[in-house]
Amino acid sequence: GQLDEVISRHIGLSVRTTRRIISDLTGRLGA
């Protein structure tokens, strides 16, 4: 349930990059 900003800080990437990763994963899952 973490927000994009929290995930970004945890993995050390920008929020924009994190959102791109989330979007890619969501697409691969067909969600």
PDB file of all heavy atoms in Angstrom:
ATOM      1  N   GLY A   1       0.784  -1.229   0.000  1.00  0.00           N
ATOM      2  CA  GLY A   1       0.000   0.000   0.000  1.00  0.00           C
ATOM      3  C   GLY A   1       0.814   1.276   0.000  1.00  0.00           C
ATOM      4  O   GLY A   1       0.283   2.347   0.300  1.00  0.00           O
ATOM      5  N   GLN A   2       2.097   1.174  -0.337  1.00  0.00           N
ATOM      6  CA  GLN A   2       2.948   2.353  -0.339  1.00  0.00           C
ATOM      7  C   GLN A   2       2.645   3.259  -1.532  1.00  0.00           C
ATOM      8  O   GLN A   2       2.314   2.796  -2.615  1.00  0.00           O
ATOM      9  CB  GLN A   2       4.426   1.943  -0.369  1.00  0.00           C
ATOM     10  CG  GLN A   2       4.861   1.109   0.811  1.00  0.00           C
ATOM     11  CD  GLN A   2       4.725   1.855   2.120  1.00  0.00           C
ATOM     12  OE1 GLN A   2       4.915   3.065   2.200  1.00  0.00           O
ATOM     13  NE2 GLN A   2       4.366   1.128   3.173  1.00  0.00           N
ATOM     14  N   LEU A   3       2.783   4.549  -1.313  1.00  0.00           N
ATOM     15  CA  LEU A   3       2.601   5.539  -2.371  1.00  0.00           C
ATOM     16  C   LEU A   3       3.819   5.546  -3.292  1.00  0.00           C
ATOM     17  O   LEU A   3       4.918   5.111  -2.904  1.00  0.00           O
ATOM     18  CB  LEU A   3       2.412   6.932  -1.773  1.00  0.00           C
ATOM     19  CG  LEU A   3       1.199   7.116  -0.855  1.00  0.00           C
ATOM     20  CD1 LEU A   3       1.238   8.490  -0.207  1.00  0.00           C
ATOM     21  CD2 LEU A   3      -0.083   6.924  -1.654  1.00  0.00           C
ATOM     22  N   ASP A   4       3.629   6.076  -4.496  1.00  0.00           N
ATOM     23  CA  ASP A   4       4.726   6.132  -5.470  1.00  0.00           C
ATOM     24  C   ASP A   4       5.949   6.848  -4.899  1.00  0.00           C
ATOM     25  O   ASP A   4       7.086   6.432  -5.121  1.00  0.00           O
ATOM     26  CB  ASP A   4       4.272   6.858  -6.746  1.00  0.00           C
ATOM     27  CG  ASP A   4       3.187   6.114  -7.490  1.00  0.00           C
ATOM     28  OD1 ASP A   4       2.895   4.955  -7.123  1.00  0.00           O
ATOM     29  OD2 ASP A   4       2.643   6.685  -8.451  1.00  0.00           O
ATOM     30  N   GLU A   5       5.718   7.930  -4.157  1.00  0.00           N
ATOM     31  CA  GLU A   5       6.827   8.701  -3.595  1.00  0.00           C
ATOM     32  C   GLU A   5       7.629   7.874  -2.591  1.00  0.00           C
ATOM     33  O   GLU A   5       8.861   7.940  -2.554  1.00  0.00           O
ATOM     34  CB  GLU A   5       6.298   9.977  -2.926  1.00  0.00           C
ATOM     35  CG  GLU A   5       5.711  10.984  -3.884  1.00  0.00           C
ATOM     36  CD  GLU A   5       4.304  10.647  -4.386  1.00  0.00           C
ATOM     37  OE1 GLU A   5       3.649   9.715  -3.842  1.00  0.00           O
ATOM     38  OE2 GLU A   5       3.860  11.305  -5.344  1.00  0.00           O
ATOM     39  N   VAL A   6       6.933   7.089  -1.782  1.00  0.00           N
ATOM     40  CA  VAL A   6       7.606   6.243  -0.788  1.00  0.00           C
ATOM     41  C   VAL A   6       8.391   5.143  -1.494  1.00  0.00           C
ATOM     42  O   VAL A   6       9.544   4.851  -1.135  1.00  0.00           O
ATOM     43  CB  VAL A   6       6.577   5.652   0.202  1.00  0.00           C
ATOM     44  CG1 VAL A   6       7.241   4.666   1.157  1.00  0.00           C
ATOM     45  CG2 VAL A   6       5.871   6.757   0.960  1.00  0.00           C
ATOM     46  N   ILE A   7       7.787   4.541  -2.503  1.00  0.00           N
ATOM     47  CA  ILE A   7       8.478   3.498  -3.278  1.00  0.00           C
ATOM     48  C   ILE A   7       9.731   4.081  -3.919  1.00  0.00           C
ATOM     49  O   ILE A   7      10.806   3.478  -3.893  1.00  0.00           O
ATOM     50  CB  ILE A   7       7.536   2.884  -4.338  1.00  0.00           C
ATOM     51  CG1 ILE A   7       6.356   2.177  -3.668  1.00  0.00           C
ATOM     52  CG2 ILE A   7       8.295   1.923  -5.244  1.00  0.00           C
ATOM     53  CD1 ILE A   7       5.270   1.719  -4.630  1.00  0.00           C
ATOM     54  N   SER A   8       9.602   5.292  -4.472  1.00  0.00           N
ATOM     55  CA  SER A   8      10.737   5.953  -5.130  1.00  0.00           C
ATOM     56  C   SER A   8      11.895   6.153  -4.166  1.00  0.00           C
ATOM     57  O   SER A   8      13.055   5.885  -4.510  1.00  0.00           O
ATOM     58  CB  SER A   8      10.315   7.316  -5.686  1.00  0.00           C
ATOM     59  OG  SER A   8       9.354   7.166  -6.674  1.00  0.00           O
ATOM     60  N   ARG A   9      11.584   6.645  -2.974  1.00  0.00           N
ATOM     61  CA  ARG A   9      12.649   6.845  -1.977  1.00  0.00           C
ATOM     62  C   ARG A   9      13.287   5.514  -1.602  1.00  0.00           C
ATOM     63  O   ARG A   9      14.500   5.418  -1.437  1.00  0.00           O
ATOM     64  CB  ARG A   9      12.092   7.537  -0.732  1.00  0.00           C
ATOM     65  CG  ARG A   9      11.938   9.026  -0.890  1.00  0.00           C
ATOM     66  CD  ARG A   9      11.730   9.726   0.442  1.00  0.00           C
ATOM     67  NE  ARG A   9      10.596   9.216   1.201  1.00  0.00           N
ATOM     68  CZ  ARG A   9       9.347   9.660   1.090  1.00  0.00           C
ATOM     69  NH1 ARG A   9       9.068  10.631   0.254  1.00  0.00           N
ATOM     70  NH2 ARG A   9       8.387   9.145   1.825  1.00  0.00           N
ATOM     71  N   HIS A  10      12.478   4.495  -1.452  1.00  0.00           N
ATOM     72  CA  HIS A  10      12.991   3.185  -1.029  1.00  0.00           C
ATOM     73  C   HIS A  10      13.932   2.581  -2.066  1.00  0.00           C
ATOM     74  O   HIS A  10      14.958   2.005  -1.713  1.00  0.00           O
ATOM     75  CB  HIS A  10      11.832   2.237  -0.742  1.00  0.00           C
ATOM     76  CG  HIS A  10      12.260   0.942  -0.136  1.00  0.00           C
ATOM     77  ND1 HIS A  10      12.667  -0.140  -0.881  1.00  0.00           N
ATOM     78  CD2 HIS A  10      12.362   0.561   1.167  1.00  0.00           C
ATOM     79  CE1 HIS A  10      12.993  -1.128  -0.078  1.00  0.00           C
ATOM     80  NE2 HIS A  10      12.809  -0.731   1.175  1.00  0.00           N
ATOM     81  N   ILE A  11      13.589   2.704  -3.354  1.00  0.00           N
ATOM     82  CA  ILE A  11      14.423   2.090  -4.396  1.00  0.00           C
ATOM     83  C   ILE A  11      15.470   3.051  -4.950  1.00  0.00           C
ATOM     84  O   ILE A  11      16.331   2.647  -5.728  1.00  0.00           O
ATOM     85  CB  ILE A  11      13.569   1.516  -5.546  1.00  0.00           C
ATOM     86  CG1 ILE A  11      12.768   2.602  -6.256  1.00  0.00           C
ATOM     87  CG2 ILE A  11      12.666   0.402  -5.029  1.00  0.00           C
ATOM     88  CD1 ILE A  11      11.968   2.112  -7.458  1.00  0.00           C
ATOM     89  N   GLY A  12      15.395   4.326  -4.562  1.00  0.00           N
ATOM     90  CA  GLY A  12      16.410   5.289  -4.966  1.00  0.00           C
ATOM     91  C   GLY A  12      16.275   5.779  -6.398  1.00  0.00           C
ATOM     92  O   GLY A  12      17.272   6.124  -7.028  1.00  0.00           O
ATOM     93  N   LEU A  13      15.043   5.835  -6.906  1.00  0.00           N
ATOM     94  CA  LEU A  13      14.805   6.334  -8.256  1.00  0.00           C
ATOM     95  C   LEU A  13      13.802   7.480  -8.192  1.00  0.00           C
ATOM     96  O   LEU A  13      13.135   7.684  -7.181  1.00  0.00           O
ATOM     97  CB  LEU A  13      14.261   5.221  -9.158  1.00  0.00           C
ATOM     98  CG  LEU A  13      15.206   4.047  -9.423  1.00  0.00           C
ATOM     99  CD1 LEU A  13      14.488   2.950 -10.199  1.00  0.00           C
ATOM    100  CD2 LEU A  13      16.434   4.499 -10.180  1.00  0.00           C
ATOM    101  N   SER A  14      13.693   8.217  -9.283  1.00  0.00           N
ATOM    102  CA  SER A  14      12.738   9.323  -9.324  1.00  0.00           C
ATOM    103  C   SER A  14      11.310   8.792  -9.330  1.00  0.00           C
ATOM    104  O   SER A  14      11.057   7.645  -9.699  1.00  0.00           O
ATOM    105  CB  SER A  14      12.973  10.179 -10.576  1.00  0.00           C
ATOM    106  OG  SER A  14      12.569   9.476 -11.735  1.00  0.00           O
ATOM    107  N   VAL A  15      10.382   9.656  -8.942  1.00  0.00           N
ATOM    108  CA  VAL A  15       8.970   9.284  -8.939  1.00  0.00           C
ATOM    109  C   VAL A  15       8.526   8.948 -10.362  1.00  0.00           C
ATOM    110  O   VAL A  15       7.779   7.996 -10.581  1.00  0.00           O
ATOM    111  CB  VAL A  15       8.103  10.416  -8.339  1.00  0.00           C
ATOM    112  CG1 VAL A  15       6.624  10.092  -8.452  1.00  0.00           C
ATOM    113  CG2 VAL A  15       8.484  10.663  -6.890  1.00  0.00           C
ATOM    114  N   ARG A  16       8.997   9.717 -11.317  1.00  0.00           N
ATOM    115  CA  ARG A  16       8.615   9.471 -12.710  1.00  0.00           C
ATOM    116  C   ARG A  16       9.074   8.086 -13.177  1.00  0.00           C
ATOM    117  O   ARG A  16       8.324   7.352 -13.819  1.00  0.00           O
ATOM    118  CB  ARG A  16       9.216  10.559 -13.600  1.00  0.00           C
ATOM    119  CG  ARG A  16       8.809  10.438 -15.034  1.00  0.00           C
ATOM    120  CD  ARG A  16       9.327  11.584 -15.843  1.00  0.00           C
ATOM    121  NE  ARG A  16       8.979  11.405 -17.233  1.00  0.00           N
ATOM    122  CZ  ARG A  16       8.986  12.342 -18.122  1.00  0.00           C
ATOM    123  NH1 ARG A  16       9.335  13.565 -17.780  1.00  0.00           N
ATOM    124  NH2 ARG A  16       8.669  12.100 -19.362  1.00  0.00           N
ATOM    125  N   THR A  17      10.293   7.697 -12.853  1.00  0.00           N
ATOM    126  CA  THR A  17      10.801   6.379 -13.222  1.00  0.00           C
ATOM    127  C   THR A  17      10.013   5.282 -12.511  1.00  0.00           C
ATOM    128  O   THR A  17       9.671   4.262 -13.105  1.00  0.00           O
ATOM    129  CB  THR A  17      12.302   6.268 -12.896  1.00  0.00           C
ATOM    130  OG1 THR A  17      13.002   7.280 -13.616  1.00  0.00           O
ATOM    131  CG2 THR A  17      12.854   4.907 -13.270  1.00  0.00           C
ATOM    132  N   THR A  18       9.717   5.518 -11.252  1.00  0.00           N
ATOM    133  CA  THR A  18       8.934   4.548 -10.484  1.00  0.00           C
ATOM    134  C   THR A  18       7.551   4.368 -11.103  1.00  0.00           C
ATOM    135  O   THR A  18       7.074   3.236 -11.257  1.00  0.00           O
ATOM    136  CB  THR A  18       8.795   4.998  -9.019  1.00  0.00           C
ATOM    137  OG1 THR A  18      10.102   5.114  -8.459  1.00  0.00           O
ATOM    138  CG2 THR A  18       7.979   4.015  -8.211  1.00  0.00           C
ATOM    139  N   ARG A  19       6.930   5.462 -11.494  1.00  0.00           N
ATOM    140  CA  ARG A  19       5.606   5.365 -12.127  1.00  0.00           C
ATOM    141  C   ARG A  19       5.679   4.639 -13.461  1.00  0.00           C
ATOM    142  O   ARG A  19       4.754   3.921 -13.839  1.00  0.00           O
ATOM    143  CB  ARG A  19       5.009   6.752 -12.289  1.00  0.00           C
ATOM    144  CG  ARG A  19       4.559   7.324 -10.964  1.00  0.00           C
ATOM    145  CD  ARG A  19       3.901   8.663 -11.097  1.00  0.00           C
ATOM    146  NE  ARG A  19       3.448   9.105  -9.777  1.00  0.00           N
ATOM    147  CZ  ARG A  19       3.413  10.367  -9.392  1.00  0.00           C
ATOM    148  NH1 ARG A  19       3.769  11.322 -10.227  1.00  0.00           N
ATOM    149  NH2 ARG A  19       2.998  10.667  -8.191  1.00  0.00           N
ATOM    150  N   ARG A  20       6.783   4.801 -14.178  1.00  0.00           N
ATOM    151  CA  ARG A  20       6.953   4.079 -15.436  1.00  0.00           C
ATOM    152  C   ARG A  20       7.074   2.583 -15.171  1.00  0.00           C
ATOM    153  O   ARG A  20       6.480   1.766 -15.877  1.00  0.00           O
ATOM    154  CB  ARG A  20       8.192   4.582 -16.186  1.00  0.00           C
ATOM    155  CG  ARG A  20       8.366   3.947 -17.556  1.00  0.00           C
ATOM    156  CD  ARG A  20       9.665   4.344 -18.225  1.00  0.00           C
ATOM    157  NE  ARG A  20      10.843   4.174 -17.392  1.00  0.00           N
ATOM    158  CZ  ARG A  20      11.442   3.007 -17.148  1.00  0.00           C
ATOM    159  NH1 ARG A  20      10.952   1.892 -17.634  1.00  0.00           N
ATOM    160  NH2 ARG A  20      12.530   2.943 -16.396  1.00  0.00           N
ATOM    161  N   ILE A  21       7.802   2.207 -14.138  1.00  0.00           N
ATOM    162  CA  ILE A  21       7.941   0.794 -13.771  1.00  0.00           C
ATOM    163  C   ILE A  21       6.581   0.226 -13.369  1.00  0.00           C
ATOM    164  O   ILE A  21       6.198  -0.868 -13.797  1.00  0.00           O
ATOM    165  CB  ILE A  21       8.972   0.627 -12.624  1.00  0.00           C
ATOM    166  CG1 ILE A  21      10.381   0.987 -13.122  1.00  0.00           C
ATOM    167  CG2 ILE A  21       8.944  -0.796 -12.068  1.00  0.00           C
ATOM    168  CD1 ILE A  21      11.414   1.123 -12.018  1.00  0.00           C
ATOM    169  N   ILE A  22       5.831   0.980 -12.568  1.00  0.00           N
ATOM    170  CA  ILE A  22       4.505   0.531 -12.136  1.00  0.00           C
ATOM    171  C   ILE A  22       3.582   0.385 -13.334  1.00  0.00           C
ATOM    172  O   ILE A  22       2.846  -0.604 -13.457  1.00  0.00           O
ATOM    173  CB  ILE A  22       3.921   1.503 -11.086  1.00  0.00           C
ATOM    174  CG1 ILE A  22       4.724   1.414  -9.784  1.00  0.00           C
ATOM    175  CG2 ILE A  22       2.440   1.218 -10.837  1.00  0.00           C
ATOM    176  CD1 ILE A  22       4.397   2.490  -8.773  1.00  0.00           C
ATOM    177  N   SER A  23       3.637   1.339 -14.250  1.00  0.00           N
ATOM    178  CA  SER A  23       2.808   1.279 -15.455  1.00  0.00           C
ATOM    179  C   SER A  23       3.166   0.061 -16.303  1.00  0.00           C
ATOM    180  O   SER A  23       2.283  -0.640 -16.818  1.00  0.00           O
ATOM    181  CB  SER A  23       2.987   2.561 -16.269  1.00  0.00           C
ATOM    182  OG  SER A  23       2.289   2.485 -17.482  1.00  0.00           O
ATOM    183  N   ASP A  24       4.452  -0.212 -16.433  1.00  0.00           N
ATOM    184  CA  ASP A  24       4.900  -1.379 -17.205  1.00  0.00           C
ATOM    185  C   ASP A  24       4.419  -2.672 -16.553  1.00  0.00           C
ATOM    186  O   ASP A  24       3.904  -3.564 -17.234  1.00  0.00           O
ATOM    187  CB  ASP A  24       6.423  -1.375 -17.321  1.00  0.00           C
ATOM    188  CG  ASP A  24       6.949  -2.572 -18.081  1.00  0.00           C
ATOM    189  OD1 ASP A  24       6.580  -2.731 -19.269  1.00  0.00           O
ATOM    190  OD2 ASP A  24       7.724  -3.364 -17.491  1.00  0.00           O
ATOM    191  N   LEU A  25       4.566  -2.782 -15.243  1.00  0.00           N
ATOM    192  CA  LEU A  25       4.122  -3.982 -14.527  1.00  0.00           C
ATOM    193  C   LEU A  25       2.609  -4.162 -14.647  1.00  0.00           C
ATOM    194  O   LEU A  25       2.125  -5.269 -14.878  1.00  0.00           O
ATOM    195  CB  LEU A  25       4.524  -3.904 -13.052  1.00  0.00           C
ATOM    196  CG  LEU A  25       6.001  -4.088 -12.759  1.00  0.00           C
ATOM    197  CD1 LEU A  25       6.316  -3.689 -11.316  1.00  0.00           C
ATOM    198  CD2 LEU A  25       6.433  -5.509 -13.032  1.00  0.00           C
ATOM    199  N   THR A  26       1.883  -3.056 -14.505  1.00  0.00           N
ATOM    200  CA  THR A  26       0.427  -3.105 -14.619  1.00  0.00           C
ATOM    201  C   THR A  26       0.022  -3.576 -16.012  1.00  0.00           C
ATOM    202  O   THR A  26      -0.879  -4.404 -16.163  1.00  0.00           O
ATOM    203  CB  THR A  26      -0.184  -1.726 -14.307  1.00  0.00           C
ATOM    204  OG1 THR A  26       0.235  -1.321 -13.002  1.00  0.00           O
ATOM    205  CG2 THR A  26      -1.691  -1.760 -14.355  1.00  0.00           C
ATOM    206  N   GLY A  27       0.710  -3.069 -17.032  1.00  0.00           N
ATOM    207  CA  GLY A  27       0.430  -3.496 -18.403  1.00  0.00           C
ATOM    208  C   GLY A  27       0.747  -4.957 -18.635  1.00  0.00           C
ATOM    209  O   GLY A  27      -0.018  -5.680 -19.284  1.00  0.00           O
ATOM    210  N   ARG A  28       1.882  -5.416 -18.114  1.00  0.00           N
ATOM    211  CA  ARG A  28       2.263  -6.826 -18.279  1.00  0.00           C
ATOM    212  C   ARG A  28       1.271  -7.754 -17.592  1.00  0.00           C
ATOM    213  O   ARG A  28       1.052  -8.881 -18.039  1.00  0.00           O
ATOM    214  CB  ARG A  28       3.671  -7.047 -17.735  1.00  0.00           C
ATOM    215  CG  ARG A  28       4.722  -6.497 -18.678  1.00  0.00           C
ATOM    216  CD  ARG A  28       6.103  -6.413 -18.093  1.00  0.00           C
ATOM    217  NE  ARG A  28       6.597  -7.643 -17.518  1.00  0.00           N
ATOM    218  CZ  ARG A  28       7.706  -7.687 -16.771  1.00  0.00           C
ATOM    219  NH1 ARG A  28       8.401  -6.600 -16.533  1.00  0.00           N
ATOM    220  NH2 ARG A  28       8.101  -8.826 -16.272  1.00  0.00           N
ATOM    221  N   LEU A  29       0.676  -7.266 -16.522  1.00  0.00           N
ATOM    222  CA  LEU A  29      -0.308  -8.066 -15.801  1.00  0.00           C
ATOM    223  C   LEU A  29      -1.703  -7.941 -16.412  1.00  0.00           C
ATOM    224  O   LEU A  29      -2.625  -8.645 -16.011  1.00  0.00           O
ATOM    225  CB  LEU A  29      -0.351  -7.644 -14.324  1.00  0.00           C
ATOM    226  CG  LEU A  29       0.871  -8.047 -13.502  1.00  0.00           C
ATOM    227  CD1 LEU A  29       0.944  -7.238 -12.219  1.00  0.00           C
ATOM    228  CD2 LEU A  29       0.843  -9.535 -13.211  1.00  0.00           C
ATOM    229  N   GLY A  30      -1.857  -7.040 -17.372  1.00  0.00           N
ATOM    230  CA  GLY A  30      -3.162  -6.839 -17.999  1.00  0.00           C
ATOM    231  C   GLY A  30      -4.171  -6.244 -17.042  1.00  0.00           C
ATOM    232  O   GLY A  30      -5.353  -6.547 -17.110  1.00  0.00           O
ATOM    233  N   ALA A  31      -3.691  -5.391 -16.151  1.00  0.00           N
ATOM    234  CA  ALA A  31      -4.551  -4.818 -15.117  1.00  0.00           C
ATOM    235  C   ALA A  31      -4.938  -3.383 -15.464  1.00  0.00           C
ATOM    236  O   ALA A  31      -4.212  -2.681 -16.163  1.00  0.00           O
ATOM    237  CB  ALA A  31      -3.822  -4.849 -13.773  1.00  0.00           C
TER     238      ALA A  31
END
